[in-house]
Amino acid sequence: MDAQLDPMKDDLPLMANTSYMLVKHYVLDLDVDFKSKVIEGSIVLFFETGSRYRKTNSTGKECCQSHFDESYKMRASEVCHIPMKNMSACSPEMQYNDFAVSSKGEEDATHENGTHSNSEQASEISSSEDCCDIENHGNKDFLLVLDCCDLSVLKVEEVDVTAVSGLEKFIGSAELTDVSKEPENLRNQIVHKLVTLPASRCKEQLYYFTDCSQAPGCGELLFTTGPWSLEIRKSGIQTPADFPHAIRIWYKTKPDGRSVTWTTDQSGRPCVYTMGSPINNRALFPCQEPPIALSTWQASVRTAAGFVVLMSGENSAEPVQLREGILSWYYHVSMPMPASTFTIAVGCWQEVKQQSFTAAVQTNTEFSLLSSQTDFRWHGEVCGHVEYPCRFQNPAARLQAVIPYRVFSPWCFLERCEECLLQLVPQCLSAAYATLGTHPFSRLDVLIVPSNFSSLGMA
């Protein structure tokens, strides 16, 4: 794959092999550092075996395809790395250089900015045959391929979900104590049970996703970074069914990464936001981007006090003080969506409040009456989407012409937003409701973005 691909003109390469393994849920745990202009931390991915392996042969065992997608064959071989040691506790204060990214024929692993990677600090497997050649012999290790770009991956490890207490509530205790099962199979079975819980148990599922994401690691995985991909393997594992279905990736973004913009708002204060283009969120976290890759996610984001974290999520997050000067914000999403719709904005925003309670009530009443006259086609209809805890199960949601919303702005625009925008937003939402029907999400945040915002919107 051409590393010089121009995202403004060319289609983005879809590298993730989703037909082999499909991400069902992401758990992000991140720190935002405005001094270094870096977002770093970890992401835990929970997988389900892909559709290509959801079939059995005559013996009842899962079939294994001996070759990979043609798009995978086109990728240039990369330098492969043995996982680094003593990195189980990564902190924002620790400094890491980037890992080497080199294609065939390159004599030196040098980054675009001219600095060398720290490949000397990690043991290397310089031969592409050992981890990237999957054509020879038919018995090479399975490679999990994720879409990513402009990221410094520090460590990849398998997560020991069996260390989480209480899993016997939805997995039989006999299964958990069956000594005949291999530990790897038991871990994958637990993840399968977790990702396939019905929507009626979504709160329980979210609780266990949180607990499992905090479970200890149980073995580092080999990984390779490329211009558009992250490739992960476990020595001796040849099929997706046997590959770890819960993995943790420690990483950090780059100041010039193309998924986020570090800038200042109209008040001159620092802020950062996702652009949504030209490479979606590949430079924010490793993900899967093919259209079939719909997932849910949750995220905890820590930043200095004084900053507000806005994110795509069903809940209106309130900050929690972890220690002096540091706040944590938590959001979650239960509607399966593409990873490209994950959005975040961190800045010294201030919420624009409606000063007159009477005026707010009157405005909402007017638009509720408007909706009862204009929207009738949704009544009695049944949703046709995949299973998730849909808010339309509540009849009141179908009559909600103006969904709950918040407006955030730099401090210099607070008065103007209060005078003009607060009256305009409900009219726009009501007009959209009358034209398109009920808003699919439970809430909305409206942010006055910096003047250099160059995208079409943030999810």
Protein backbone atom coordinates (compact mmCIF):
# COMPACT_ATOMS: atom_id res chain seq x y z
CA MET A 1 0.00 0.00 0.00
CA ASP A 2 1.36 3.40 -0.98
CA ALA A 3 2.42 5.24 2.16
CA GLN A 4 2.19 8.52 0.23
CA LEU A 5 -1.56 8.16 -0.35
CA ASP A 6 -3.28 11.55 -0.33
CA PRO A 7 -6.43 11.35 1.84
CA MET A 8 -7.76 14.52 0.18
CA LYS A 9 -7.81 12.82 -3.24
CA ASP A 10 -7.60 9.06 -2.72
CA ASP A 11 -9.85 6.62 -0.93
CA LEU A 12 -8.64 5.59 2.50
CA PRO A 13 -7.30 2.03 2.57
CA LEU A 14 -9.48 -0.33 4.60
CA MET A 15 -6.81 -2.51 6.16
CA ALA A 16 -8.73 -4.11 9.04
CA ASN A 17 -9.54 -7.78 8.42
CA THR A 18 -13.05 -7.60 9.86
CA SER A 19 -14.15 -10.85 8.24
CA TYR A 20 -11.81 -12.63 10.66
CA MET A 21 -12.32 -10.61 13.84
CA LEU A 22 -14.84 -7.86 14.51
CA VAL A 23 -14.61 -5.28 17.30
CA LYS A 24 -17.84 -5.12 19.28
CA HIS A 25 -16.83 -2.67 22.03
CA TYR A 26 -14.03 -0.18 22.77
CA VAL A 27 -13.00 1.03 26.23
CA LEU A 28 -10.75 4.09 26.11
CA ASP A 29 -8.78 5.40 29.09
CA LEU A 30 -6.95 8.56 28.08
CA ASP A 31 -5.04 11.58 29.36
CA VAL A 32 -5.05 14.88 27.46
CA ASP A 33 -1.84 16.89 27.82
CA PHE A 34 -1.92 20.36 26.32
CA LYS A 35 1.75 21.02 27.07
CA SER A 36 3.00 18.18 24.87
CA LYS A 37 -0.09 18.21 22.61
CA VAL A 38 -0.48 14.48 23.09
CA ILE A 39 -3.38 12.21 24.05
CA GLU A 40 -2.10 8.99 25.59
CA GLY A 41 -3.34 6.00 27.52
CA SER A 42 -4.88 2.68 26.62
CA ILE A 43 -7.73 1.19 24.67
CA VAL A 44 -9.26 -2.25 25.28
CA LEU A 45 -10.93 -3.95 22.32
CA PHE A 46 -13.50 -6.73 22.74
CA PHE A 47 -13.87 -8.94 19.67
CA GLU A 48 -16.26 -11.44 18.19
CA THR A 49 -15.01 -13.98 15.67
CA GLY A 50 -15.69 -12.69 12.15
CA SER A 51 -18.34 -13.99 9.78
CA ARG A 52 -15.81 -15.97 7.76
CA TYR A 53 -15.24 -18.21 10.78
CA ARG A 54 -18.79 -18.54 12.03
CA LYS A 55 -19.27 -21.87 10.33
CA THR A 56 -18.25 -25.40 11.14
CA ASN A 57 -17.05 -28.36 9.18
CA SER A 58 -18.32 -31.93 9.38
CA THR A 59 -16.47 -32.55 12.64
CA GLY A 60 -18.07 -29.53 14.28
CA LYS A 61 -14.82 -27.62 14.52
CA GLU A 62 -14.45 -24.13 13.14
CA CYS A 63 -13.09 -23.98 9.61
CA CYS A 64 -9.91 -22.04 8.96
CA GLN A 65 -9.27 -20.19 5.73
CA SER A 66 -5.73 -20.68 4.50
CA HIS A 67 -5.37 -17.30 2.84
CA PHE A 68 -6.09 -13.69 3.69
CA ASP A 69 -7.72 -10.83 1.79
CA GLU A 70 -6.04 -9.61 -1.39
CA SER A 71 -5.82 -6.16 0.14
CA TYR A 72 -3.71 -7.61 2.90
CA LYS A 73 -1.32 -9.20 0.42
CA MET A 74 -0.62 -5.77 -1.07
CA ARG A 75 0.78 -4.33 2.15
CA ALA A 76 4.49 -3.84 2.36
CA SER A 77 6.33 -5.89 4.92
CA GLU A 78 7.11 -3.99 8.10
CA VAL A 79 9.73 -4.33 10.79
CA CYS A 80 8.31 -6.48 13.57
CA HIS A 81 8.91 -5.87 17.25
CA ILE A 82 9.12 -7.97 20.33
CA PRO A 83 6.94 -6.33 23.05
CA MET A 84 8.78 -4.01 25.40
CA LYS A 85 9.22 -5.10 28.98
CA ASN A 86 8.36 -3.32 32.22
CA MET A 87 5.65 -1.15 30.68
CA SER A 88 2.63 -2.39 32.57
CA ALA A 89 2.25 0.96 34.27
CA CYS A 90 2.42 3.68 31.63
CA SER A 91 2.07 7.20 32.92
CA PRO A 92 1.87 10.60 31.21
CA GLU A 93 5.25 11.50 32.67
CA MET A 94 7.03 8.64 30.91
CA GLN A 95 8.63 9.56 27.61
CA TYR A 96 8.67 7.22 24.61
CA ASN A 97 10.00 7.59 21.13
CA ASP A 98 8.13 6.29 18.15
CA PHE A 99 8.47 2.73 16.97
CA ALA A 100 10.11 2.08 13.65
CA VAL A 101 8.03 2.14 10.49
CA SER A 102 9.95 0.92 7.49
CA SER A 103 8.93 -0.57 4.19
CA LYS A 104 10.83 -3.00 2.02
CA GLY A 105 13.97 -1.53 0.57
CA GLU A 106 14.40 1.09 3.27
CA GLU A 107 17.79 0.96 4.86
CA ASP A 108 16.88 3.09 7.85
CA ALA A 109 13.75 3.45 9.96
CA THR A 110 13.46 7.22 10.03
CA HIS A 111 10.29 9.18 10.63
CA GLU A 112 9.01 12.04 8.55
CA ASN A 113 10.39 14.59 10.99
CA GLY A 114 13.86 13.13 10.54
CA THR A 115 14.15 11.51 13.97
CA HIS A 116 14.99 7.87 14.40
CA SER A 117 12.72 5.42 16.17
CA ASN A 118 13.72 3.65 19.33
CA SER A 119 13.93 0.29 17.63
CA GLU A 120 17.30 -0.11 19.31
CA GLN A 121 15.48 -0.26 22.66
CA ALA A 122 13.28 -3.16 21.60
CA SER A 123 14.36 -6.50 20.23
CA GLU A 124 13.56 -6.69 16.55
CA ILE A 125 12.68 -9.41 14.12
CA SER A 126 14.12 -7.86 11.02
CA SER A 127 12.92 -10.57 8.68
CA SER A 128 9.45 -9.94 7.28
CA GLU A 129 9.10 -13.65 6.72
CA ASP A 130 8.77 -14.37 10.42
CA CYS A 131 5.61 -12.40 11.12
CA CYS A 132 4.33 -10.85 7.93
CA ASP A 133 4.57 -13.63 5.39
CA ILE A 134 1.34 -15.60 5.51
CA GLU A 135 1.60 -17.33 2.17
CA ASN A 136 4.36 -19.83 2.87
CA HIS A 137 3.67 -23.24 4.37
CA GLY A 138 0.08 -22.40 5.32
CA ASN A 139 0.85 -22.56 9.04
CA LYS A 140 1.91 -19.02 9.91
CA ASP A 141 0.50 -17.14 12.87
CA PHE A 142 -2.80 -15.32 12.42
CA LEU A 143 -2.45 -11.54 12.08
CA LEU A 144 -5.07 -9.19 13.48
CA VAL A 145 -5.03 -6.03 11.38
CA LEU A 146 -6.44 -2.73 12.65
CA ASP A 147 -6.77 0.62 10.89
CA CYS A 148 -4.53 3.30 12.36
CA CYS A 149 -2.23 6.11 11.32
CA ASP A 150 0.02 8.66 13.06
CA LEU A 151 0.04 6.72 16.34
CA SER A 152 2.91 5.61 18.56
CA VAL A 153 2.00 2.15 19.81
CA LEU A 154 3.87 1.33 23.01
CA LYS A 155 2.61 -2.08 24.04
CA VAL A 156 -0.07 -4.66 23.21
CA GLU A 157 -1.23 -7.29 25.68
CA GLU A 158 -3.93 -9.89 26.19
CA VAL A 159 -6.43 -9.07 28.95
CA ASP A 160 -7.13 -11.72 31.59
CA VAL A 161 -10.90 -11.38 31.89
CA THR A 162 -11.02 -14.49 34.11
CA ALA A 163 -9.60 -12.30 36.90
CA VAL A 164 -12.88 -10.36 37.07
CA SER A 165 -15.16 -11.47 39.90
CA GLY A 166 -18.88 -11.92 39.42
CA LEU A 167 -18.77 -13.27 35.87
CA GLU A 168 -20.53 -16.42 37.05
CA LYS A 169 -23.72 -14.35 37.08
CA PHE A 170 -24.04 -14.71 33.32
CA ILE A 171 -21.60 -17.54 32.73
CA GLY A 172 -22.21 -20.83 34.46
CA SER A 173 -19.91 -21.40 37.42
CA ALA A 174 -19.28 -24.91 36.10
CA GLU A 175 -17.88 -23.42 32.90
CA LEU A 176 -15.59 -21.09 34.83
CA THR A 177 -14.18 -23.91 36.95
CA ASP A 178 -13.90 -26.51 34.18
CA VAL A 179 -10.25 -27.48 34.42
CA SER A 180 -10.44 -29.29 31.11
CA LYS A 181 -10.72 -25.96 29.27
CA GLU A 182 -7.60 -24.14 28.17
CA PRO A 183 -7.25 -20.69 29.80
CA GLU A 184 -7.22 -19.06 26.35
CA ASN A 185 -10.48 -20.75 25.37
CA LEU A 186 -12.10 -19.79 28.67
CA ARG A 187 -11.13 -16.14 28.24
CA ASN A 188 -12.55 -16.07 24.72
CA GLN A 189 -15.72 -17.78 25.89
CA ILE A 190 -16.22 -15.14 28.56
CA VAL A 191 -15.79 -12.34 26.02
CA HIS A 192 -18.25 -14.07 23.66
CA LYS A 193 -20.85 -14.28 26.42
CA LEU A 194 -20.26 -10.64 27.30
CA VAL A 195 -20.53 -9.16 23.80
CA THR A 196 -23.65 -11.21 23.01
CA LEU A 197 -25.67 -10.26 26.09
CA PRO A 198 -29.18 -9.09 25.07
CA ALA A 199 -30.06 -5.40 25.06
CA SER A 200 -32.26 -5.91 28.11
CA ARG A 201 -29.06 -6.45 30.11
CA CYS A 202 -27.18 -3.44 28.72
CA LYS A 203 -26.43 -1.91 32.13
CA GLU A 204 -24.98 -5.18 33.37
CA GLN A 205 -23.01 -5.52 30.15
CA LEU A 206 -21.55 -2.02 30.51
CA TYR A 207 -20.59 -2.77 34.11
CA TYR A 208 -18.66 -5.89 33.12
CA PHE A 209 -17.05 -4.17 30.14
CA THR A 210 -15.66 -1.67 32.64
CA ASP A 211 -14.42 -4.35 35.02
CA CYS A 212 -12.91 -6.47 32.26
CA SER A 213 -11.11 -3.47 30.77
CA GLN A 214 -9.36 -2.97 34.12
CA ALA A 215 -8.31 -6.61 34.45
CA PRO A 216 -4.57 -7.33 34.43
CA GLY A 217 -2.67 -8.36 31.34
CA CYS A 218 -1.76 -11.99 30.85
CA GLY A 219 0.89 -11.86 28.15
CA GLU A 220 2.31 -9.36 25.71
CA LEU A 221 1.54 -9.70 22.03
CA LEU A 222 3.82 -9.10 19.06
CA PHE A 223 2.89 -6.12 16.94
CA THR A 224 3.96 -4.19 13.86
CA THR A 225 3.09 -0.63 12.88
CA GLY A 226 2.65 0.40 9.27
CA PRO A 227 1.66 3.62 7.52
CA TRP A 228 -2.03 2.69 7.67
CA SER A 229 -2.26 -0.31 9.96
CA LEU A 230 -1.40 -1.99 13.23
CA GLU A 231 -0.75 -5.73 12.92
CA ILE A 232 -0.90 -7.92 16.01
CA ARG A 233 -0.13 -11.60 16.46
CA LYS A 234 0.28 -14.17 19.21
CA SER A 235 2.99 -16.74 18.68
CA GLY A 236 1.57 -20.15 17.86
CA ILE A 237 -2.01 -18.93 17.27
CA GLN A 238 -3.04 -19.66 13.70
CA THR A 239 -6.81 -18.98 13.64
CA PRO A 240 -9.01 -16.03 14.63
CA ALA A 241 -11.10 -18.30 16.86
CA ASP A 242 -8.06 -18.95 19.06
CA PHE A 243 -6.71 -15.40 18.98
CA PRO A 244 -7.28 -13.33 22.18
CA HIS A 245 -10.71 -11.69 22.04
CA ALA A 246 -9.84 -8.99 24.60
CA ILE A 247 -6.64 -7.02 24.05
CA ARG A 248 -5.24 -3.82 25.52
CA ILE A 249 -3.20 -1.38 23.44
CA TRP A 250 -1.03 1.25 25.11
CA TYR A 251 -0.39 4.15 22.76
CA LYS A 252 -0.14 7.89 22.32
CA THR A 253 -1.09 10.29 19.57
CA LYS A 254 1.32 12.55 17.77
CA PRO A 255 1.10 16.37 17.95
CA ASP A 256 0.70 16.49 14.17
CA GLY A 257 -1.68 13.53 13.94
CA ARG A 258 -4.35 14.10 11.32
CA SER A 259 -7.37 13.09 13.43
CA VAL A 260 -7.14 15.88 16.00
CA THR A 261 -6.43 19.59 15.84
CA TRP A 262 -4.57 21.36 18.63
CA THR A 263 -5.40 25.05 18.47
CA THR A 264 -6.86 27.96 20.42
CA ASP A 265 -10.46 29.07 20.65
CA GLN A 266 -11.82 32.55 19.96
CA SER A 267 -10.85 33.58 23.49
CA GLY A 268 -7.23 32.58 22.91
CA ARG A 269 -7.37 29.54 25.19
CA PRO A 270 -5.98 26.11 24.16
CA CYS A 271 -8.32 23.43 22.88
CA VAL A 272 -8.27 20.21 20.88
CA TYR A 273 -10.97 18.55 18.80
CA THR A 274 -11.45 15.68 16.37
CA MET A 275 -11.82 16.76 12.75
CA GLY A 276 -13.84 13.84 11.36
CA SER A 277 -11.73 14.02 8.21
CA PRO A 278 -9.59 13.40 6.26
CA ILE A 279 -8.63 10.11 7.93
CA ASN A 280 -11.49 9.80 10.47
CA ASN A 281 -10.26 8.64 13.89
CA ARG A 282 -7.32 6.51 12.81
CA ALA A 283 -4.85 8.94 14.42
CA LEU A 284 -6.87 9.00 17.66
CA PHE A 285 -7.10 5.27 18.40
CA PRO A 286 -6.58 1.93 16.59
CA CYS A 287 -9.92 0.85 15.17
CA GLN A 288 -11.78 -0.94 12.39
CA GLU A 289 -13.23 1.18 9.59
CA PRO A 290 -14.93 -1.12 7.03
CA PRO A 291 -18.71 -0.51 6.85
CA ILE A 292 -19.50 -3.75 8.66
CA ALA A 293 -17.55 -2.62 11.72
CA LEU A 294 -20.25 -1.19 13.99
CA SER A 295 -19.38 -1.06 17.67
CA THR A 296 -20.22 0.52 20.99
CA TRP A 297 -17.76 2.32 23.23
CA GLN A 298 -17.08 4.00 26.53
CA ALA A 299 -14.35 6.44 27.42
CA SER A 300 -12.77 8.00 30.49
CA VAL A 301 -10.80 11.14 29.70
CA ARG A 302 -8.63 12.98 32.20
CA THR A 303 -7.46 16.55 31.80
CA ALA A 304 -6.45 19.56 33.85
CA ALA A 305 -9.09 21.38 35.85
CA GLY A 306 -10.58 24.27 33.93
CA PHE A 307 -11.05 22.20 30.77
CA VAL A 308 -14.36 20.70 29.67
CA VAL A 309 -14.50 17.36 27.82
CA LEU A 310 -17.33 16.95 25.32
CA MET A 311 -17.79 13.64 23.55
CA SER A 312 -20.28 11.58 21.60
CA GLY A 313 -22.21 9.75 24.30
CA GLU A 314 -25.66 9.06 25.65
CA ASN A 315 -24.94 10.59 29.04
CA SER A 316 -24.24 14.20 29.92
CA ALA A 317 -20.96 13.69 31.73
CA GLU A 318 -20.16 15.52 34.93
CA PRO A 319 -16.49 15.85 35.96
CA VAL A 320 -15.06 13.87 38.86
CA GLN A 321 -11.98 15.20 40.64
CA LEU A 322 -9.32 12.49 40.83
CA ARG A 323 -6.70 14.61 42.57
CA GLU A 324 -5.91 18.27 42.87
CA GLY A 325 -5.96 19.90 39.48
CA ILE A 326 -7.09 16.79 37.54
CA LEU A 327 -10.66 15.99 36.44
CA SER A 328 -12.06 12.85 34.82
CA TRP A 329 -14.97 12.74 32.37
CA TYR A 330 -16.85 9.58 31.41
CA TYR A 331 -19.11 8.93 28.39
CA HIS A 332 -20.65 5.80 26.93
CA VAL A 333 -22.56 4.78 23.79
CA SER A 334 -24.87 1.76 23.48
CA MET A 335 -25.92 2.26 19.85
CA PRO A 336 -23.54 0.33 17.54
CA MET A 337 -21.93 2.89 15.25
CA PRO A 338 -18.83 3.26 13.04
CA ALA A 339 -15.65 4.20 14.87
CA SER A 340 -15.45 7.27 12.63
CA THR A 341 -18.40 8.79 14.53
CA PHE A 342 -16.47 8.91 17.79
CA THR A 343 -15.90 12.58 18.51
CA ILE A 344 -14.20 14.55 21.25
CA ALA A 345 -13.58 18.22 21.99
CA VAL A 346 -11.60 19.47 24.98
CA GLY A 347 -11.31 23.14 25.79
CA CYS A 348 -12.13 25.92 28.22
CA TRP A 349 -15.74 25.88 27.09
CA GLN A 350 -18.55 27.31 29.19
CA GLU A 351 -22.14 26.15 29.06
CA VAL A 352 -24.60 28.77 27.86
CA LYS A 353 -27.51 28.77 30.29
CA GLN A 354 -31.09 29.84 29.62
CA GLN A 355 -31.57 32.69 32.08
CA SER A 356 -35.35 32.76 32.01
CA PHE A 357 -36.91 29.48 33.13
CA THR A 358 -40.37 30.71 32.05
CA ALA A 359 -39.10 31.47 28.55
CA ALA A 360 -37.53 28.03 28.26
CA VAL A 361 -40.75 26.29 29.29
CA GLN A 362 -42.76 28.38 26.86
CA THR A 363 -40.35 27.63 24.00
CA ASN A 364 -40.47 23.86 24.62
CA THR A 365 -44.28 23.97 24.84
CA GLU A 366 -44.57 25.80 21.54
CA PHE A 367 -42.40 23.28 19.71
CA SER A 368 -44.16 20.34 21.35
CA LEU A 369 -47.44 21.65 19.93
CA LEU A 370 -45.76 22.09 16.55
CA SER A 371 -44.53 18.51 16.60
CA SER A 372 -47.97 17.11 17.36
CA GLN A 373 -49.25 18.78 14.20
CA THR A 374 -46.35 17.95 11.87
CA ASP A 375 -45.09 14.52 12.87
CA PHE A 376 -47.41 11.56 12.60
CA ARG A 377 -45.56 9.04 10.46
CA TRP A 378 -43.48 7.64 13.34
CA HIS A 379 -46.42 6.64 15.50
CA GLY A 380 -46.81 2.88 15.70
CA GLU A 381 -43.75 2.14 13.59
CA VAL A 382 -41.33 -0.58 14.68
CA CYS A 383 -37.61 0.05 14.50
CA GLY A 384 -35.68 -2.20 12.12
CA HIS A 385 -32.16 -1.69 13.47
CA VAL A 386 -29.90 -4.19 15.21
CA GLU A 387 -30.66 -4.94 18.83
CA TYR A 388 -29.60 -2.33 21.34
CA PRO A 389 -31.41 -0.42 24.15
CA CYS A 390 -33.34 1.85 21.78
CA ARG A 391 -34.88 4.91 23.41
CA PHE A 392 -37.89 4.72 21.09
CA GLN A 393 -39.23 1.95 23.32
CA ASN A 394 -40.42 4.89 25.39
CA PRO A 395 -43.48 6.38 23.59
CA ALA A 396 -42.59 9.84 24.93
CA ALA A 397 -39.40 9.84 22.86
CA ARG A 398 -41.41 9.77 19.63
CA LEU A 399 -43.12 13.04 20.57
CA GLN A 400 -39.91 14.80 21.54
CA ALA A 401 -39.67 17.61 18.99
CA VAL A 402 -36.75 19.17 20.82
CA ILE A 403 -34.37 16.66 22.37
CA PRO A 404 -32.41 17.63 25.49
CA TYR A 405 -29.44 19.73 24.43
CA ARG A 406 -26.63 21.82 25.87
CA VAL A 407 -24.81 24.72 24.25
CA PHE A 408 -21.10 25.37 24.92
CA SER A 409 -19.06 28.36 23.86
CA PRO A 410 -15.79 30.20 24.51
CA TRP A 411 -16.33 32.81 27.21
CA CYS A 412 -16.12 35.69 24.73
CA PHE A 413 -19.30 34.53 22.96
CA LEU A 414 -21.44 33.74 26.01
CA GLU A 415 -23.65 36.81 25.80
CA ARG A 416 -24.19 36.55 22.05
CA CYS A 417 -25.03 32.85 22.34
CA GLU A 418 -27.50 33.55 25.12
CA GLU A 419 -29.17 36.29 23.10
CA CYS A 420 -29.28 34.58 19.70
CA LEU A 421 -28.30 30.92 19.68
CA LEU A 422 -30.49 29.66 22.52
CA GLN A 423 -33.56 30.85 20.63
CA LEU A 424 -32.31 29.47 17.31
CA VAL A 425 -31.33 25.92 18.36
CA PRO A 426 -34.82 24.68 19.32
CA GLN A 427 -36.24 26.05 16.07
CA CYS A 428 -33.60 24.20 14.07
CA LEU A 429 -34.14 20.97 15.98
CA SER A 430 -37.91 21.21 15.59
CA ALA A 431 -37.59 21.86 11.85
CA ALA A 432 -35.29 18.85 11.52
CA TYR A 433 -37.80 16.78 13.52
CA ALA A 434 -40.66 17.80 11.23
CA THR A 435 -38.62 16.94 8.13
CA LEU A 436 -36.64 13.85 9.18
CA GLY A 437 -38.53 12.44 12.14
CA THR A 438 -37.40 11.76 15.67
CA HIS A 439 -33.74 12.34 16.49
CA PRO A 440 -32.14 8.90 17.02
CA PHE A 441 -29.99 9.97 19.97
CA SER A 442 -31.08 10.87 23.46
CA ARG A 443 -29.28 14.20 23.74
CA LEU A 444 -27.19 16.75 21.86
CA ASP A 445 -24.29 19.06 22.64
CA VAL A 446 -23.84 22.16 20.50
CA LEU A 447 -20.33 23.63 20.51
CA ILE A 448 -19.11 26.90 19.01
CA VAL A 449 -15.91 25.59 17.41
CA PRO A 450 -12.76 27.61 16.68
CA SER A 451 -12.72 29.61 13.48
CA ASN A 452 -10.12 27.29 11.92
CA PHE A 453 -12.44 24.29 12.13
CA SER A 454 -12.08 22.72 8.70
CA SER A 455 -14.45 19.76 8.83
CA LEU A 456 -18.13 19.18 8.11
CA GLY A 457 -18.97 18.56 11.75
CA MET A 458 -18.19 16.33 14.69
CA ALA A 459 -20.49 13.29 14.44
